[in-house]
């Protein structure tokens, strides 16, 4: 386990500074993965809000990116690496869904960003500050348990 996880309050502060949930997860792992923070920010820029339509939770998407970068194969002939990525990704999914019942953003937040006006309603309700920090925090804890 890491020595220190960002708290949910820290994560909410990162959201206020402009990071999305996937960016928080990925940048927390940047150093271990050998990437600069700005590279992880760019890699995950489009993953927030379930890719802006309420699909896969950004915290989970960021975690999947970390799993791929940590264990992923560098060419298609690396079957062992591909199986390892699959195994770890499924273990992440199982742990996240056991805790929250879903990895789908719209199910977790109760807002469907693919529908007109739902994003604005979520922002007005403060969902990204009241709910998302927990999802990010738990995603980081699960990654630590699986990868370290």
C-alpha atoms as a PDB file:
ATOM      1  CA  UNK A   1       0.000   0.000   0.000  1.00  0.00           C
ATOM      2  CA  UNK A   2       1.051   3.563  -0.576  1.00  0.00           C
ATOM      3  CA  UNK A   3       2.006   5.606   2.423  1.00  0.00           C
ATOM      4  CA  UNK A   4      -0.672   8.197   1.762  1.00  0.00           C
ATOM      5  CA  UNK A   5      -3.830   8.346  -0.284  1.00  0.00           C
ATOM      6  CA  UNK A   6      -5.375  11.686  -1.123  1.00  0.00           C
ATOM      7  CA  UNK A   7      -8.392  12.205   1.097  1.00  0.00           C
ATOM      8  CA  UNK A   8     -11.839  12.694  -0.359  1.00  0.00           C
ATOM      9  CA  UNK A   9     -11.476  16.406   0.491  1.00  0.00           C
ATOM     10  CA  UNK A  10      -8.140  16.488  -1.373  1.00  0.00           C
ATOM     11  CA  UNK A  11      -9.788  14.821  -4.358  1.00  0.00           C
ATOM     12  CA  UNK A  12     -12.659  17.325  -4.344  1.00  0.00           C
ATOM     13  CA  UNK A  13     -10.013  20.064  -4.373  1.00  0.00           C
ATOM     14  CA  UNK A  14      -8.372  18.441  -7.391  1.00  0.00           C
ATOM     15  CA  UNK A  15     -11.770  18.493  -9.128  1.00  0.00           C
ATOM     16  CA  UNK A  16     -12.137  22.181  -8.308  1.00  0.00           C
ATOM     17  CA  UNK A  17      -8.722  22.822  -9.848  1.00  0.00           C
ATOM     18  CA  UNK A  18      -9.963  21.271 -13.099  1.00  0.00           C
ATOM     19  CA  UNK A  19      -8.973  17.597 -12.943  1.00  0.00           C
ATOM     20  CA  UNK A  20     -11.544  14.976 -13.793  1.00  0.00           C
ATOM     21  CA  UNK A  21     -11.854  11.682 -11.921  1.00  0.00           C
ATOM     22  CA  UNK A  22      -9.738   9.697 -14.395  1.00  0.00           C
ATOM     23  CA  UNK A  23      -7.019  12.335 -14.300  1.00  0.00           C
ATOM     24  CA  UNK A  24      -6.839  12.165 -10.511  1.00  0.00           C
ATOM     25  CA  UNK A  25      -6.415   8.385 -10.590  1.00  0.00           C
ATOM     26  CA  UNK A  26      -3.849   8.393 -13.398  1.00  0.00           C
ATOM     27  CA  UNK A  27      -1.763  11.273 -12.063  1.00  0.00           C
ATOM     28  CA  UNK A  28      -1.545   9.592  -8.658  1.00  0.00           C
ATOM     29  CA  UNK A  29       0.192   6.717 -10.454  1.00  0.00           C
ATOM     30  CA  UNK A  30       2.254   8.802 -12.908  1.00  0.00           C
ATOM     31  CA  UNK A  31       5.567   8.481 -11.072  1.00  0.00           C
ATOM     32  CA  UNK A  32       5.289   4.712 -10.545  1.00  0.00           C
ATOM     33  CA  UNK A  33       4.431   4.298 -14.225  1.00  0.00           C
ATOM     34  CA  UNK A  34       7.318   6.442 -15.416  1.00  0.00           C
ATOM     35  CA  UNK A  35       5.154   9.205 -16.860  1.00  0.00           C
ATOM     36  CA  UNK A  36       5.047  12.912 -16.210  1.00  0.00           C
ATOM     37  CA  UNK A  37       1.850  14.166 -14.610  1.00  0.00           C
ATOM     38  CA  UNK A  38       0.989  16.199 -17.717  1.00  0.00           C
ATOM     39  CA  UNK A  39       1.183  13.052 -19.859  1.00  0.00           C
ATOM     40  CA  UNK A  40      -1.324  11.256 -17.614  1.00  0.00           C
ATOM     41  CA  UNK A  41      -3.515  14.356 -17.671  1.00  0.00           C
ATOM     42  CA  UNK A  42      -3.553  14.241 -21.472  1.00  0.00           C
ATOM     43  CA  UNK A  43      -4.117  10.464 -21.669  1.00  0.00           C
ATOM     44  CA  UNK A  44      -7.221  10.696 -19.493  1.00  0.00           C
ATOM     45  CA  UNK A  45      -8.620  14.075 -20.506  1.00  0.00           C
ATOM     46  CA  UNK A  46     -11.627  12.581 -22.299  1.00  0.00           C
ATOM     47  CA  UNK A  47     -12.559  10.015 -19.615  1.00  0.00           C
ATOM     48  CA  UNK A  48     -14.366  12.306 -17.145  1.00  0.00           C
ATOM     49  CA  UNK A  49     -18.095  11.960 -16.643  1.00  0.00           C
ATOM     50  CA  UNK A  50     -18.090   8.508 -18.184  1.00  0.00           C
ATOM     51  CA  UNK A  51     -16.504   9.916 -21.360  1.00  0.00           C
ATOM     52  CA  UNK A  52     -18.937  12.828 -21.048  1.00  0.00           C
ATOM     53  CA  UNK A  53     -21.965  10.606 -21.593  1.00  0.00           C
ATOM     54  CA  UNK A  54     -22.314   8.722 -18.299  1.00  0.00           C
ATOM     55  CA  UNK A  55     -20.731   5.465 -19.431  1.00  0.00           C
ATOM     56  CA  UNK A  56     -17.742   3.887 -17.633  1.00  0.00           C
ATOM     57  CA  UNK A  57     -16.986   5.844 -14.452  1.00  0.00           C
ATOM     58  CA  UNK A  58     -13.920   8.036 -14.975  1.00  0.00           C
ATOM     59  CA  UNK A  59     -12.290   6.712 -11.792  1.00  0.00           C
ATOM     60  CA  UNK A  60     -12.660   3.185 -13.163  1.00  0.00           C
ATOM     61  CA  UNK A  61     -11.479   4.271 -16.630  1.00  0.00           C
ATOM     62  CA  UNK A  62      -8.412   5.881 -15.094  1.00  0.00           C
ATOM     63  CA  UNK A  63      -7.765   2.708 -13.124  1.00  0.00           C
ATOM     64  CA  UNK A  64      -8.040   0.610 -16.285  1.00  0.00           C
ATOM     65  CA  UNK A  65      -5.498   2.865 -17.975  1.00  0.00           C
ATOM     66  CA  UNK A  66      -3.151   2.429 -14.990  1.00  0.00           C
ATOM     67  CA  UNK A  67      -3.606  -1.365 -15.106  1.00  0.00           C
ATOM     68  CA  UNK A  68      -2.825  -1.392 -18.823  1.00  0.00           C
ATOM     69  CA  UNK A  69       0.264   0.756 -18.417  1.00  0.00           C
ATOM     70  CA  UNK A  70       1.444  -1.267 -15.421  1.00  0.00           C
ATOM     71  CA  UNK A  71       0.941  -4.761 -16.865  1.00  0.00           C
ATOM     72  CA  UNK A  72       0.152  -4.261 -20.537  1.00  0.00           C
ATOM     73  CA  UNK A  73       1.805  -5.917 -23.449  1.00  0.00           C
ATOM     74  CA  UNK A  74       3.885  -3.924 -25.864  1.00  0.00           C
ATOM     75  CA  UNK A  75       3.029  -6.072 -28.865  1.00  0.00           C
ATOM     76  CA  UNK A  76       0.235  -8.468 -29.742  1.00  0.00           C
ATOM     77  CA  UNK A  77       2.421 -11.560 -29.349  1.00  0.00           C
ATOM     78  CA  UNK A  78       2.671 -11.089 -25.583  1.00  0.00           C
ATOM     79  CA  UNK A  79      -0.174 -13.401 -24.612  1.00  0.00           C
ATOM     80  CA  UNK A  80       0.949 -13.744 -20.992  1.00  0.00           C
ATOM     81  CA  UNK A  81       0.831  -9.980 -20.473  1.00  0.00           C
ATOM     82  CA  UNK A  82      -2.584  -9.785 -22.142  1.00  0.00           C
ATOM     83  CA  UNK A  83      -3.935 -12.454 -19.792  1.00  0.00           C
ATOM     84  CA  UNK A  84      -2.441 -10.676 -16.780  1.00  0.00           C
ATOM     85  CA  UNK A  85      -4.073  -7.368 -17.788  1.00  0.00           C
ATOM     86  CA  UNK A  86      -7.397  -9.146 -18.233  1.00  0.00           C
ATOM     87  CA  UNK A  87      -7.091 -10.838 -14.836  1.00  0.00           C
ATOM     88  CA  UNK A  88      -6.220  -7.624 -12.979  1.00  0.00           C
ATOM     89  CA  UNK A  89      -8.872  -5.590 -14.839  1.00  0.00           C
ATOM     90  CA  UNK A  90     -11.550  -8.121 -13.913  1.00  0.00           C
ATOM     91  CA  UNK A  91     -10.377  -8.155 -10.287  1.00  0.00           C
ATOM     92  CA  UNK A  92     -10.599  -4.359 -10.218  1.00  0.00           C
ATOM     93  CA  UNK A  93     -14.097  -4.477 -11.677  1.00  0.00           C
ATOM     94  CA  UNK A  94     -15.212  -7.097  -9.170  1.00  0.00           C
ATOM     95  CA  UNK A  95     -13.911  -5.084  -6.200  1.00  0.00           C
ATOM     96  CA  UNK A  96     -15.339  -1.772  -7.440  1.00  0.00           C
ATOM     97  CA  UNK A  97     -18.736  -3.264  -8.250  1.00  0.00           C
ATOM     98  CA  UNK A  98     -18.817  -5.139  -4.951  1.00  0.00           C
ATOM     99  CA  UNK A  99     -18.405  -1.808  -3.188  1.00  0.00           C
ATOM    100  CA  UNK A 100     -20.712   0.342  -5.349  1.00  0.00           C
ATOM    101  CA  UNK A 101     -22.871  -2.028  -7.389  1.00  0.00           C
ATOM    102  CA  UNK A 102     -21.761  -0.589 -10.730  1.00  0.00           C
ATOM    103  CA  UNK A 103     -18.935   0.995 -12.697  1.00  0.00           C
ATOM    104  CA  UNK A 104     -21.321   3.048 -14.831  1.00  0.00           C
ATOM    105  CA  UNK A 105     -21.185   6.794 -14.137  1.00  0.00           C
ATOM    106  CA  UNK A 106     -24.900   7.478 -14.672  1.00  0.00           C
ATOM    107  CA  UNK A 107     -25.807   4.665 -12.265  1.00  0.00           C
ATOM    108  CA  UNK A 108     -23.337   5.863  -9.643  1.00  0.00           C
ATOM    109  CA  UNK A 109     -24.320   9.535  -9.849  1.00  0.00           C
ATOM    110  CA  UNK A 110     -27.988   9.282 -10.790  1.00  0.00           C
ATOM    111  CA  UNK A 111     -27.480  11.655 -13.740  1.00  0.00           C
ATOM    112  CA  UNK A 112     -27.326  10.593 -17.399  1.00  0.00           C
ATOM    113  CA  UNK A 113     -24.924  12.949 -19.147  1.00  0.00           C
ATOM    114  CA  UNK A 114     -26.017  11.644 -22.541  1.00  0.00           C
ATOM    115  CA  UNK A 115     -29.328  13.472 -22.023  1.00  0.00           C
ATOM    116  CA  UNK A 116     -29.746  17.202 -22.525  1.00  0.00           C
ATOM    117  CA  UNK A 117     -29.395  19.203 -19.321  1.00  0.00           C
ATOM    118  CA  UNK A 118     -28.331  16.303 -17.083  1.00  0.00           C
ATOM    119  CA  UNK A 119     -24.732  17.477 -16.767  1.00  0.00           C
ATOM    120  CA  UNK A 120     -25.906  20.920 -15.645  1.00  0.00           C
ATOM    121  CA  UNK A 121     -28.226  19.307 -13.099  1.00  0.00           C
ATOM    122  CA  UNK A 122     -25.368  17.184 -11.745  1.00  0.00           C
ATOM    123  CA  UNK A 123     -23.166  20.262 -11.424  1.00  0.00           C
ATOM    124  CA  UNK A 124     -25.982  22.167  -9.713  1.00  0.00           C
ATOM    125  CA  UNK A 125     -26.467  19.263  -7.277  1.00  0.00           C
ATOM    126  CA  UNK A 126     -22.704  19.142  -6.607  1.00  0.00           C
ATOM    127  CA  UNK A 127     -22.596  15.429  -7.443  1.00  0.00           C
ATOM    128  CA  UNK A 128     -18.967  15.546  -8.544  1.00  0.00           C
ATOM    129  CA  UNK A 129     -17.975  16.911  -5.130  1.00  0.00           C
ATOM    130  CA  UNK A 130     -20.332  14.859  -2.969  1.00  0.00           C
ATOM    131  CA  UNK A 131     -20.085  11.453  -4.660  1.00  0.00           C
ATOM    132  CA  UNK A 132     -17.116  11.247  -7.019  1.00  0.00           C
ATOM    133  CA  UNK A 133     -14.314  11.756  -4.471  1.00  0.00           C
ATOM    134  CA  UNK A 134     -15.315   8.491  -2.783  1.00  0.00           C
ATOM    135  CA  UNK A 135     -15.251   6.611  -6.098  1.00  0.00           C
ATOM    136  CA  UNK A 136     -11.786   7.980  -6.869  1.00  0.00           C
ATOM    137  CA  UNK A 137     -10.488   7.244  -3.367  1.00  0.00           C
ATOM    138  CA  UNK A 138     -11.729   3.655  -3.498  1.00  0.00           C
ATOM    139  CA  UNK A 139     -10.370   3.180  -7.044  1.00  0.00           C
ATOM    140  CA  UNK A 140      -6.940   4.217  -5.764  1.00  0.00           C
ATOM    141  CA  UNK A 141      -7.205   1.851  -2.791  1.00  0.00           C
ATOM    142  CA  UNK A 142      -8.180  -1.037  -5.057  1.00  0.00           C
ATOM    143  CA  UNK A 143      -5.290  -0.271  -7.430  1.00  0.00           C
ATOM    144  CA  UNK A 144      -2.868  -0.227  -4.528  1.00  0.00           C
ATOM    145  CA  UNK A 145      -4.120  -3.603  -3.333  1.00  0.00           C
ATOM    146  CA  UNK A 146      -3.873  -5.108  -6.819  1.00  0.00           C
ATOM    147  CA  UNK A 147      -0.631  -3.563  -8.055  1.00  0.00           C
ATOM    148  CA  UNK A 148       1.612  -3.089  -5.047  1.00  0.00           C
END
